Amino acid sequence: MTADPAQMLLDGRVPAQAVIEELLARQSFVRPRTWIQRVFGVSPIGPDSWPWYKGALGEIAVGRILEGLGPEWLVLHAIPVGKGDTDIDHLLVGPAGVFTLNTKNHSGQSVWVAGRTLMVAGKKTRHLYNAAYEAARASKLLSAAVGSAVNVTGMVVVVDPKGMTIRSQPDQVVVLREVQLLGWLKRCRRVLGPAEVGQIAAAATLARTWHRNPVAPGNGDTLQVHFNALRLLVEQARRRRAAWVLGVPAAGFLMLANGAQTLAAIALSLSGR
């Protein structure tokens, strides 16, 4: 039986659901590794899949952090929005207001922020523009669903950067590291009462609020199982590569040591000892 699109809810979607769906679709075209590739720790992730895998790790990490917000907050993940296949990584509705979170996994990279500019490894990005646009669109859609103005704050949450320098916060968007997120939200002053939170949360949970043609949300738990299996293979490959890096010099040392012992034995035999 097909669910009524007007009644479909989004509260069952898991962190990174849309990204994982795309990742697994791309991985379906990747040829399985040969046994020798597995032995030497070649990653099972295809080149086109890697940005999606990294993005999923970032959204999952932020989703885990958001579990600490408590019952006063509604937290939604991977909200399909518009008429295409774009989504909002995370949406929060609580006493401190309404927030859209754009998660960016810049593990091992330096991030620099000043005014309207956010640079990653020395290159300008569109993170601030995209986050501001996302918040404005969310505000428009929620306002229409609720019947009154709903202010939405856009955020860029940077996951595991090598370093992050913020010369000045942008006017329209808040930029934070993931480790700062929970404390920042809990320190925000209350701007919504329980009735307002409930009204906005009820509208936000409906798929029809966000998408013109909502589709069945899919089984997030099954997707997580597939992703975790893939993640295990990636970690196994990483450990195997590390073992080879550490093992090759050790093997070389043993070969040299064994060679020296052999030469010494030959010299002793020639000397008649």
C-alpha atoms as a PDB file:
ATOM      1  CA  MET A   1       0.000   0.000   0.000  1.00  0.00           C
ATOM      2  CA  THR A   2       1.432   3.360  -1.046  1.00  0.00           C
ATOM      3  CA  ALA A   3       1.658   6.003   1.663  1.00  0.00           C
ATOM      4  CA  ASP A   4      -0.325   9.199   1.188  1.00  0.00           C
ATOM      5  CA  PRO A   5       2.237  11.906   0.231  1.00  0.00           C
ATOM      6  CA  ALA A   6       0.248  14.433   2.256  1.00  0.00           C
ATOM      7  CA  GLN A   7       0.823  12.400   5.425  1.00  0.00           C
ATOM      8  CA  MET A   8       4.445  11.262   4.978  1.00  0.00           C
ATOM      9  CA  LEU A   9       6.731  12.190   7.859  1.00  0.00           C
ATOM     10  CA  LEU A  10      10.461  12.867   7.920  1.00  0.00           C
ATOM     11  CA  ASP A  11      11.276  11.977  11.507  1.00  0.00           C
ATOM     12  CA  GLY A  12      12.451   8.486  10.513  1.00  0.00           C
ATOM     13  CA  ARG A  13      15.226   9.659   8.209  1.00  0.00           C
ATOM     14  CA  VAL A  14      18.755   8.996   9.444  1.00  0.00           C
ATOM     15  CA  PRO A  15      21.825  11.265   9.293  1.00  0.00           C
ATOM     16  CA  ALA A  16      23.391  11.331   5.814  1.00  0.00           C
ATOM     17  CA  GLN A  17      20.538   9.279   4.333  1.00  0.00           C
ATOM     18  CA  ALA A  18      20.535  11.104   1.000  1.00  0.00           C
ATOM     19  CA  VAL A  19      24.325  11.034   0.782  1.00  0.00           C
ATOM     20  CA  ILE A  20      24.477   7.322   1.593  1.00  0.00           C
ATOM     21  CA  GLU A  21      21.874   6.592  -1.078  1.00  0.00           C
ATOM     22  CA  GLU A  22      24.020   8.393  -3.675  1.00  0.00           C
ATOM     23  CA  LEU A  23      27.207   6.769  -2.384  1.00  0.00           C
ATOM     24  CA  LEU A  24      25.794   3.245  -2.655  1.00  0.00           C
ATOM     25  CA  ALA A  25      24.416   3.993  -6.117  1.00  0.00           C
ATOM     26  CA  ARG A  26      27.863   5.087  -7.299  1.00  0.00           C
ATOM     27  CA  GLN A  27      29.540   2.149  -5.580  1.00  0.00           C
ATOM     28  CA  SER A  28      27.335  -0.245  -7.547  1.00  0.00           C
ATOM     29  CA  PHE A  29      29.413   0.638 -10.638  1.00  0.00           C
ATOM     30  CA  VAL A  30      32.770   0.050  -8.914  1.00  0.00           C
ATOM     31  CA  ARG A  31      34.457  -3.230  -9.824  1.00  0.00           C
ATOM     32  CA  PRO A  32      35.150  -5.525  -6.851  1.00  0.00           C
ATOM     33  CA  ARG A  33      38.757  -5.574  -5.717  1.00  0.00           C
ATOM     34  CA  THR A  34      40.969  -8.456  -6.761  1.00  0.00           C
ATOM     35  CA  TRP A  35      42.543 -10.594  -4.046  1.00  0.00           C
ATOM     36  CA  ILE A  36      45.912  -8.891  -4.548  1.00  0.00           C
ATOM     37  CA  GLN A  37      44.266  -5.469  -4.160  1.00  0.00           C
ATOM     38  CA  ARG A  38      42.696  -6.619  -0.912  1.00  0.00           C
ATOM     39  CA  VAL A  39      46.042  -7.969   0.306  1.00  0.00           C
ATOM     40  CA  PHE A  40      47.749  -4.626  -0.305  1.00  0.00           C
ATOM     41  CA  GLY A  41      44.896  -2.600   1.210  1.00  0.00           C
ATOM     42  CA  VAL A  42      43.477  -0.900  -1.879  1.00  0.00           C
ATOM     43  CA  SER A  43      40.386   1.044  -0.790  1.00  0.00           C
ATOM     44  CA  PRO A  44      37.026  -0.370  -1.888  1.00  0.00           C
ATOM     45  CA  ILE A  45      35.767   3.195  -2.461  1.00  0.00           C
ATOM     46  CA  GLY A  46      35.811   4.320  -6.084  1.00  0.00           C
ATOM     47  CA  PRO A  47      37.237   7.756  -6.983  1.00  0.00           C
ATOM     48  CA  ASP A  48      33.774   9.151  -7.809  1.00  0.00           C
ATOM     49  CA  SER A  49      32.374   7.750  -4.583  1.00  0.00           C
ATOM     50  CA  TRP A  50      34.997   9.173  -2.254  1.00  0.00           C
ATOM     51  CA  PRO A  51      33.485  12.703  -1.781  1.00  0.00           C
ATOM     52  CA  TRP A  52      30.138  11.099  -0.935  1.00  0.00           C
ATOM     53  CA  TYR A  53      31.746   8.720   1.561  1.00  0.00           C
ATOM     54  CA  LYS A  54      33.573  11.574   3.247  1.00  0.00           C
ATOM     55  CA  GLY A  55      30.394  13.664   3.291  1.00  0.00           C
ATOM     56  CA  ALA A  56      28.472  10.820   4.907  1.00  0.00           C
ATOM     57  CA  LEU A  57      31.069  10.524   7.655  1.00  0.00           C
ATOM     58  CA  GLY A  58      30.684  14.244   8.392  1.00  0.00           C
ATOM     59  CA  GLU A  59      26.880  14.180   8.562  1.00  0.00           C
ATOM     60  CA  ILE A  60      26.887  11.064  10.728  1.00  0.00           C
ATOM     61  CA  ALA A  61      29.355  12.679  13.134  1.00  0.00           C
ATOM     62  CA  VAL A  62      27.178  15.795  13.456  1.00  0.00           C
ATOM     63  CA  GLY A  63      24.035  13.696  13.806  1.00  0.00           C
ATOM     64  CA  ARG A  64      25.607  11.873  16.734  1.00  0.00           C
ATOM     65  CA  ILE A  65      26.432  15.205  18.405  1.00  0.00           C
ATOM     66  CA  LEU A  66      22.866  16.450  17.960  1.00  0.00           C
ATOM     67  CA  GLU A  67      21.565  13.501  19.972  1.00  0.00           C
ATOM     68  CA  GLY A  68      22.708  15.483  23.019  1.00  0.00           C
ATOM     69  CA  LEU A  69      20.194  18.309  22.517  1.00  0.00           C
ATOM     70  CA  GLY A  70      17.435  16.716  24.546  1.00  0.00           C
ATOM     71  CA  PRO A  71      13.636  16.398  24.288  1.00  0.00           C
ATOM     72  CA  GLU A  72      12.923  20.130  23.868  1.00  0.00           C
ATOM     73  CA  TRP A  73      14.363  19.960  20.372  1.00  0.00           C
ATOM     74  CA  LEU A  74      13.182  18.444  17.100  1.00  0.00           C
ATOM     75  CA  VAL A  75      16.119  17.212  15.002  1.00  0.00           C
ATOM     76  CA  LEU A  76      15.529  16.135  11.402  1.00  0.00           C
ATOM     77  CA  HIS A  77      18.121  14.772   8.994  1.00  0.00           C
ATOM     78  CA  ALA A  78      18.555  14.685   5.207  1.00  0.00           C
ATOM     79  CA  ILE A  79      15.344  16.567   4.349  1.00  0.00           C
ATOM     80  CA  PRO A  80      14.517  16.390   0.616  1.00  0.00           C
ATOM     81  CA  VAL A  81      13.687  19.943  -0.432  1.00  0.00           C
ATOM     82  CA  GLY A  82      12.482  21.723  -3.563  1.00  0.00           C
ATOM     83  CA  LYS A  83      11.578  19.737  -6.665  1.00  0.00           C
ATOM     84  CA  GLY A  84      14.914  18.040  -7.341  1.00  0.00           C
ATOM     85  CA  ASP A  85      17.261  15.871  -5.328  1.00  0.00           C
ATOM     86  CA  THR A  86      18.802  18.484  -2.995  1.00  0.00           C
ATOM     87  CA  ASP A  87      18.462  18.121   0.750  1.00  0.00           C
ATOM     88  CA  ILE A  88      19.020  19.896   4.063  1.00  0.00           C
ATOM     89  CA  ASP A  89      21.648  18.029   6.071  1.00  0.00           C
ATOM     90  CA  HIS A  90      20.053  18.769   9.466  1.00  0.00           C
ATOM     91  CA  LEU A  91      17.154  20.918  10.668  1.00  0.00           C
ATOM     92  CA  LEU A  92      16.737  21.927  14.317  1.00  0.00           C
ATOM     93  CA  VAL A  93      13.633  23.356  15.967  1.00  0.00           C
ATOM     94  CA  GLY A  94      13.868  24.258  19.637  1.00  0.00           C
ATOM     95  CA  PRO A  95      13.687  26.989  22.275  1.00  0.00           C
ATOM     96  CA  ALA A  96      16.624  28.825  20.695  1.00  0.00           C
ATOM     97  CA  GLY A  97      14.914  28.966  17.297  1.00  0.00           C
ATOM     98  CA  VAL A  98      15.108  27.177  13.959  1.00  0.00           C
ATOM     99  CA  PHE A  99      18.423  26.258  12.331  1.00  0.00           C
ATOM    100  CA  THR A 100      19.542  24.644   9.095  1.00  0.00           C
ATOM    101  CA  LEU A 101      22.928  22.945   9.329  1.00  0.00           C
ATOM    102  CA  ASN A 102      25.146  22.531   6.292  1.00  0.00           C
ATOM    103  CA  THR A 103      27.794  19.970   7.272  1.00  0.00           C
ATOM    104  CA  LYS A 104      31.217  20.100   5.614  1.00  0.00           C
ATOM    105  CA  ASN A 105      33.792  17.394   6.271  1.00  0.00           C
ATOM    106  CA  HIS A 106      37.155  19.129   5.811  1.00  0.00           C
ATOM    107  CA  SER A 107      39.197  16.593   7.727  1.00  0.00           C
ATOM    108  CA  GLY A 108      42.898  17.490   7.681  1.00  0.00           C
ATOM    109  CA  GLN A 109      42.339  20.811   5.847  1.00  0.00           C
ATOM    110  CA  SER A 110      42.761  24.385   7.041  1.00  0.00           C
ATOM    111  CA  VAL A 111      39.666  26.609   7.071  1.00  0.00           C
ATOM    112  CA  TRP A 112      39.726  30.423   7.090  1.00  0.00           C
ATOM    113  CA  VAL A 113      36.654  32.619   7.544  1.00  0.00           C
ATOM    114  CA  ALA A 114      36.246  36.386   7.288  1.00  0.00           C
ATOM    115  CA  GLY A 115      33.001  38.196   6.474  1.00  0.00           C
ATOM    116  CA  ARG A 116      31.633  36.826   3.224  1.00  0.00           C
ATOM    117  CA  THR A 117      34.578  34.522   2.523  1.00  0.00           C
ATOM    118  CA  LEU A 118      35.210  30.958   3.623  1.00  0.00           C
ATOM    119  CA  MET A 119      38.370  29.362   2.284  1.00  0.00           C
ATOM    120  CA  VAL A 120      39.436  25.720   2.503  1.00  0.00           C
ATOM    121  CA  ALA A 121      43.113  24.947   1.933  1.00  0.00           C
ATOM    122  CA  GLY A 122      43.502  28.417   0.407  1.00  0.00           C
ATOM    123  CA  LYS A 123      40.585  28.083  -2.026  1.00  0.00           C
ATOM    124  CA  LYS A 124      37.337  30.056  -1.873  1.00  0.00           C
ATOM    125  CA  THR A 125      34.130  28.063  -1.454  1.00  0.00           C
ATOM    126  CA  ARG A 126      30.405  28.726  -1.800  1.00  0.00           C
ATOM    127  CA  HIS A 127      29.650  27.320   1.649  1.00  0.00           C
ATOM    128  CA  LEU A 128      28.418  30.633   3.072  1.00  0.00           C
ATOM    129  CA  TYR A 129      26.221  31.461   0.102  1.00  0.00           C
ATOM    130  CA  ASN A 130      24.721  27.966   0.028  1.00  0.00           C
ATOM    131  CA  ALA A 131      24.013  27.983   3.772  1.00  0.00           C
ATOM    132  CA  ALA A 132      22.349  31.416   3.591  1.00  0.00           C
ATOM    133  CA  TYR A 133      20.226  30.354   0.613  1.00  0.00           C
ATOM    134  CA  GLU A 134      19.242  27.129   2.372  1.00  0.00           C
ATOM    135  CA  ALA A 135      18.121  29.004   5.498  1.00  0.00           C
ATOM    136  CA  ALA A 136      16.142  31.546   3.463  1.00  0.00           C
ATOM    137  CA  ARG A 137      14.362  28.785   1.553  1.00  0.00           C
ATOM    138  CA  ALA A 138      13.594  26.918   4.774  1.00  0.00           C
ATOM    139  CA  SER A 139      12.182  30.129   6.270  1.00  0.00           C
ATOM    140  CA  LYS A 140       9.919  30.642   3.257  1.00  0.00           C
ATOM    141  CA  LEU A 141       8.612  27.062   3.247  1.00  0.00           C
ATOM    142  CA  LEU A 142       8.045  26.868   6.996  1.00  0.00           C
ATOM    143  CA  SER A 143       6.372  30.266   7.066  1.00  0.00           C
ATOM    144  CA  ALA A 144       3.953  29.142   4.356  1.00  0.00           C
ATOM    145  CA  ALA A 145       3.209  25.898   6.213  1.00  0.00           C
ATOM    146  CA  VAL A 146       2.730  27.539   9.610  1.00  0.00           C
ATOM    147  CA  GLY A 147       0.916  30.639   8.385  1.00  0.00           C
ATOM    148  CA  SER A 148       3.231  33.122  10.112  1.00  0.00           C
ATOM    149  CA  ALA A 149       6.846  34.254   9.794  1.00  0.00           C
ATOM    150  CA  VAL A 150       9.451  31.683  10.842  1.00  0.00           C
ATOM    151  CA  ASN A 151      13.020  32.930  11.140  1.00  0.00           C
ATOM    152  CA  VAL A 152      15.716  30.404  10.275  1.00  0.00           C
ATOM    153  CA  THR A 153      19.437  30.694  11.018  1.00  0.00           C
ATOM    154  CA  GLY A 154      21.825  29.050   8.578  1.00  0.00           C
ATOM    155  CA  MET A 155      24.932  27.333   9.900  1.00  0.00           C
ATOM    156  CA  VAL A 156      28.051  25.820   8.382  1.00  0.00           C
ATOM    157  CA  VAL A 157      29.392  23.053  10.622  1.00  0.00           C
ATOM    158  CA  VAL A 158      32.990  22.159   9.755  1.00  0.00           C
ATOM    159  CA  VAL A 159      34.004  18.641  10.739  1.00  0.00           C
ATOM    160  CA  ASP A 160      37.527  17.774  11.884  1.00  0.00           C
ATOM    161  CA  PRO A 161      39.510  20.575  10.185  1.00  0.00           C
ATOM    162  CA  LYS A 162      43.276  20.737  10.566  1.00  0.00           C
ATOM    163  CA  GLY A 163      42.726  24.243  11.875  1.00  0.00           C
ATOM    164  CA  MET A 164      40.067  26.931  11.628  1.00  0.00           C
ATOM    165  CA  THR A 165      40.635  30.669  11.775  1.00  0.00           C
ATOM    166  CA  ILE A 166      37.618  32.972  12.045  1.00  0.00           C
ATOM    167  CA  ARG A 167      38.576  36.618  11.577  1.00  0.00           C
ATOM    168  CA  SER A 168      34.937  37.672  11.724  1.00  0.00           C
ATOM    169  CA  GLN A 169      31.664  35.750  11.649  1.00  0.00           C
ATOM    170  CA  PRO A 170      29.561  36.253   8.509  1.00  0.00           C
ATOM    171  CA  ASP A 171      26.446  38.422   8.823  1.00  0.00           C
ATOM    172  CA  GLN A 172      23.878  35.826   7.725  1.00  0.00           C
ATOM    173  CA  VAL A 173      25.508  32.503   8.621  1.00  0.00           C
ATOM    174  CA  VAL A 174      27.115  31.020  11.736  1.00  0.00           C
ATOM    175  CA  VAL A 175      30.318  29.011  11.199  1.00  0.00           C
ATOM    176  CA  LEU A 176      31.413  26.511  13.834  1.00  0.00           C
ATOM    177  CA  ARG A 177      33.514  23.418  14.288  1.00  0.00           C
ATOM    178  CA  GLU A 178      31.484  20.340  15.126  1.00  0.00           C
ATOM    179  CA  VAL A 179      32.992  20.181  18.623  1.00  0.00           C
ATOM    180  CA  GLN A 180      31.592  23.658  19.355  1.00  0.00           C
ATOM    181  CA  LEU A 181      28.075  22.982  18.101  1.00  0.00           C
ATOM    182  CA  LEU A 182      26.312  21.564  21.138  1.00  0.00           C
ATOM    183  CA  GLY A 183      27.678  24.128  23.586  1.00  0.00           C
ATOM    184  CA  TRP A 184      26.849  27.002  21.242  1.00  0.00           C
ATOM    185  CA  LEU A 185      23.229  25.870  20.839  1.00  0.00           C
ATOM    186  CA  LYS A 186      22.754  25.378  24.565  1.00  0.00           C
ATOM    187  CA  ARG A 187      24.063  28.896  25.270  1.00  0.00           C
ATOM    188  CA  CYS A 188      21.625  30.562  22.850  1.00  0.00           C
ATOM    189  CA  ARG A 189      18.842  32.558  24.470  1.00  0.00           C
ATOM    190  CA  ARG A 190      15.291  31.265  24.248  1.00  0.00           C
ATOM    191  CA  VAL A 191      13.228  32.880  21.505  1.00  0.00           C
ATOM    192  CA  LEU A 192      10.400  30.349  21.068  1.00  0.00           C
ATOM    193  CA  GLY A 193       7.895  29.100  23.609  1.00  0.00           C
ATOM    194  CA  PRO A 194       6.728  25.477  23.791  1.00  0.00           C
ATOM    195  CA  ALA A 195       3.600  26.176  21.720  1.00  0.00           C
ATOM    196  CA  GLU A 196       5.619  27.836  18.930  1.00  0.00           C
ATOM    197  CA  VAL A 197       8.183  25.026  18.936  1.00  0.00           C
ATOM    198  CA  GLY A 198       5.376  22.469  18.682  1.00  0.00           C
ATOM    199  CA  GLN A 199       3.645  24.282  15.825  1.00  0.00           C
ATOM    200  CA  ILE A 200       6.825  24.703  13.760  1.00  0.00           C
ATOM    201  CA  ALA A 201       7.995  21.167  14.540  1.00  0.00           C
ATOM    202  CA  ALA A 202       4.676  19.704  13.347  1.00  0.00           C
ATOM    203  CA  ALA A 203       5.016  21.522  10.012  1.00  0.00           C
ATOM    204  CA  ALA A 204       8.713  20.680   9.661  1.00  0.00           C
ATOM    205  CA  THR A 205       8.074  16.957  10.087  1.00  0.00           C
ATOM    206  CA  LEU A 206       5.673  16.809   7.121  1.00  0.00           C
ATOM    207  CA  ALA A 207       7.390  15.897   3.863  1.00  0.00           C
ATOM    208  CA  ARG A 208       4.924  18.032   1.874  1.00  0.00           C
ATOM    209  CA  THR A 209       6.245  21.164   3.602  1.00  0.00           C
ATOM    210  CA  TRP A 210       9.561  20.751   1.817  1.00  0.00           C
ATOM    211  CA  HIS A 211       9.095  18.915  -1.457  1.00  0.00           C
ATOM    212  CA  ARG A 212       6.580  19.327  -4.263  1.00  0.00           C
ATOM    213  CA  ASN A 213       6.501  15.602  -4.986  1.00  0.00           C
ATOM    214  CA  PRO A 214       7.481  13.783  -1.802  1.00  0.00           C
ATOM    215  CA  VAL A 215       8.419  10.142  -2.159  1.00  0.00           C
ATOM    216  CA  ALA A 216       8.612   7.312   0.348  1.00  0.00           C
ATOM    217  CA  PRO A 217      11.451   8.032   2.776  1.00  0.00           C
ATOM    218  CA  GLY A 218      13.152   4.643   2.318  1.00  0.00           C
ATOM    219  CA  ASN A 219      14.564   2.395   4.999  1.00  0.00           C
ATOM    220  CA  GLY A 220      17.239   4.394   6.802  1.00  0.00           C
ATOM    221  CA  ASP A 221      18.185   1.497   9.053  1.00  0.00           C
ATOM    222  CA  THR A 222      18.968  -0.733   6.065  1.00  0.00           C
ATOM    223  CA  LEU A 223      21.051   2.020   4.489  1.00  0.00           C
ATOM    224  CA  GLN A 224      23.016   2.379   7.717  1.00  0.00           C
ATOM    225  CA  VAL A 225      23.747  -1.356   7.723  1.00  0.00           C
ATOM    226  CA  HIS A 226      25.117  -1.182   4.169  1.00  0.00           C
ATOM    227  CA  PHE A 227      27.156   1.922   4.978  1.00  0.00           C
ATOM    228  CA  ASN A 228      28.615   0.392   8.137  1.00  0.00           C
ATOM    229  CA  ALA A 229      29.641  -2.706   6.179  1.00  0.00           C
ATOM    230  CA  LEU A 230      31.374  -0.518   3.612  1.00  0.00           C
ATOM    231  CA  ARG A 231      33.016   1.545   6.345  1.00  0.00           C
ATOM    232  CA  LEU A 232      34.390  -1.643   7.916  1.00  0.00           C
ATOM    233  CA  LEU A 233      35.995  -2.614   4.598  1.00  0.00           C
ATOM    234  CA  VAL A 234      37.509   0.863   4.263  1.00  0.00           C
ATOM    235  CA  GLU A 235      38.998   0.662   7.769  1.00  0.00           C
ATOM    236  CA  GLN A 236      40.359  -2.827   7.129  1.00  0.00           C
ATOM    237  CA  ALA A 237      42.033  -1.590   3.942  1.00  0.00           C
ATOM    238  CA  ARG A 238      43.501   1.399   5.784  1.00  0.00           C
ATOM    239  CA  ARG A 239      44.967  -0.800   8.499  1.00  0.00           C
ATOM    240  CA  ARG A 240      46.410  -3.153   5.909  1.00  0.00           C
ATOM    241  CA  ARG A 241      48.113  -0.278   4.080  1.00  0.00           C
ATOM    242  CA  ALA A 242      49.519   0.956   7.373  1.00  0.00           C
ATOM    243  CA  ALA A 243      50.819  -2.530   8.142  1.00  0.00           C
ATOM    244  CA  TRP A 244      52.593  -2.656   4.794  1.00  0.00           C
ATOM    245  CA  VAL A 245      54.152   0.779   5.342  1.00  0.00           C
ATOM    246  CA  LEU A 246      55.463  -0.325   8.731  1.00  0.00           C
ATOM    247  CA  GLY A 247      56.299  -3.852   7.635  1.00  0.00           C
ATOM    248  CA  VAL A 248      58.362  -3.144   4.517  1.00  0.00           C
ATOM    249  CA  PRO A 249      61.179  -1.262   6.334  1.00  0.00           C
ATOM    250  CA  ALA A 250      61.211  -3.971   9.011  1.00  0.00           C
ATOM    251  CA  ALA A 251      61.451  -6.683   6.377  1.00  0.00           C
ATOM    252  CA  GLY A 252      64.272  -4.802   4.696  1.00  0.00           C
ATOM    253  CA  PHE A 253      66.158  -4.550   7.988  1.00  0.00           C
ATOM    254  CA  LEU A 254      65.755  -8.279   8.596  1.00  0.00           C
ATOM    255  CA  MET A 255      67.044  -9.038   5.112  1.00  0.00           C
ATOM    256  CA  LEU A 256      70.113  -6.851   5.701  1.00  0.00           C
ATOM    257  CA  ALA A 257      70.718  -8.442   9.104  1.00  0.00           C
ATOM    258  CA  ASN A 258      70.394 -11.928   7.688  1.00  0.00           C
ATOM    259  CA  GLY A 259      72.697 -10.986   4.844  1.00  0.00           C
ATOM    260  CA  ALA A 260      75.354  -9.710   7.272  1.00  0.00           C
ATOM    261  CA  GLN A 261      75.151 -12.927   9.267  1.00  0.00           C
ATOM    262  CA  THR A 262      75.590 -14.967   6.108  1.00  0.00           C
ATOM    263  CA  LEU A 263      78.666 -12.975   5.068  1.00  0.00           C
ATOM    264  CA  ALA A 264      80.153 -13.395   8.543  1.00  0.00           C
ATOM    265  CA  ALA A 265      79.605 -17.149   8.393  1.00  0.00           C
ATOM    266  CA  ILE A 266      81.311 -17.328   5.014  1.00  0.00           C
ATOM    267  CA  ALA A 267      84.276 -15.298   6.266  1.00  0.00           C
ATOM    268  CA  LEU A 268      84.653 -17.613   9.290  1.00  0.00           C
ATOM    269  CA  SER A 269      84.576 -20.679   7.112  1.00  0.00           C
ATOM    270  CA  LEU A 270      87.262 -19.272   4.812  1.00  0.00           C
ATOM    271  CA  SER A 271      89.520 -18.455   7.750  1.00  0.00           C
ATOM    272  CA  GLY A 272      89.321 -22.051   8.972  1.00  0.00           C
ATOM    273  CA  ARG A 273      87.715 -21.184  12.319  1.00  0.00           C
END
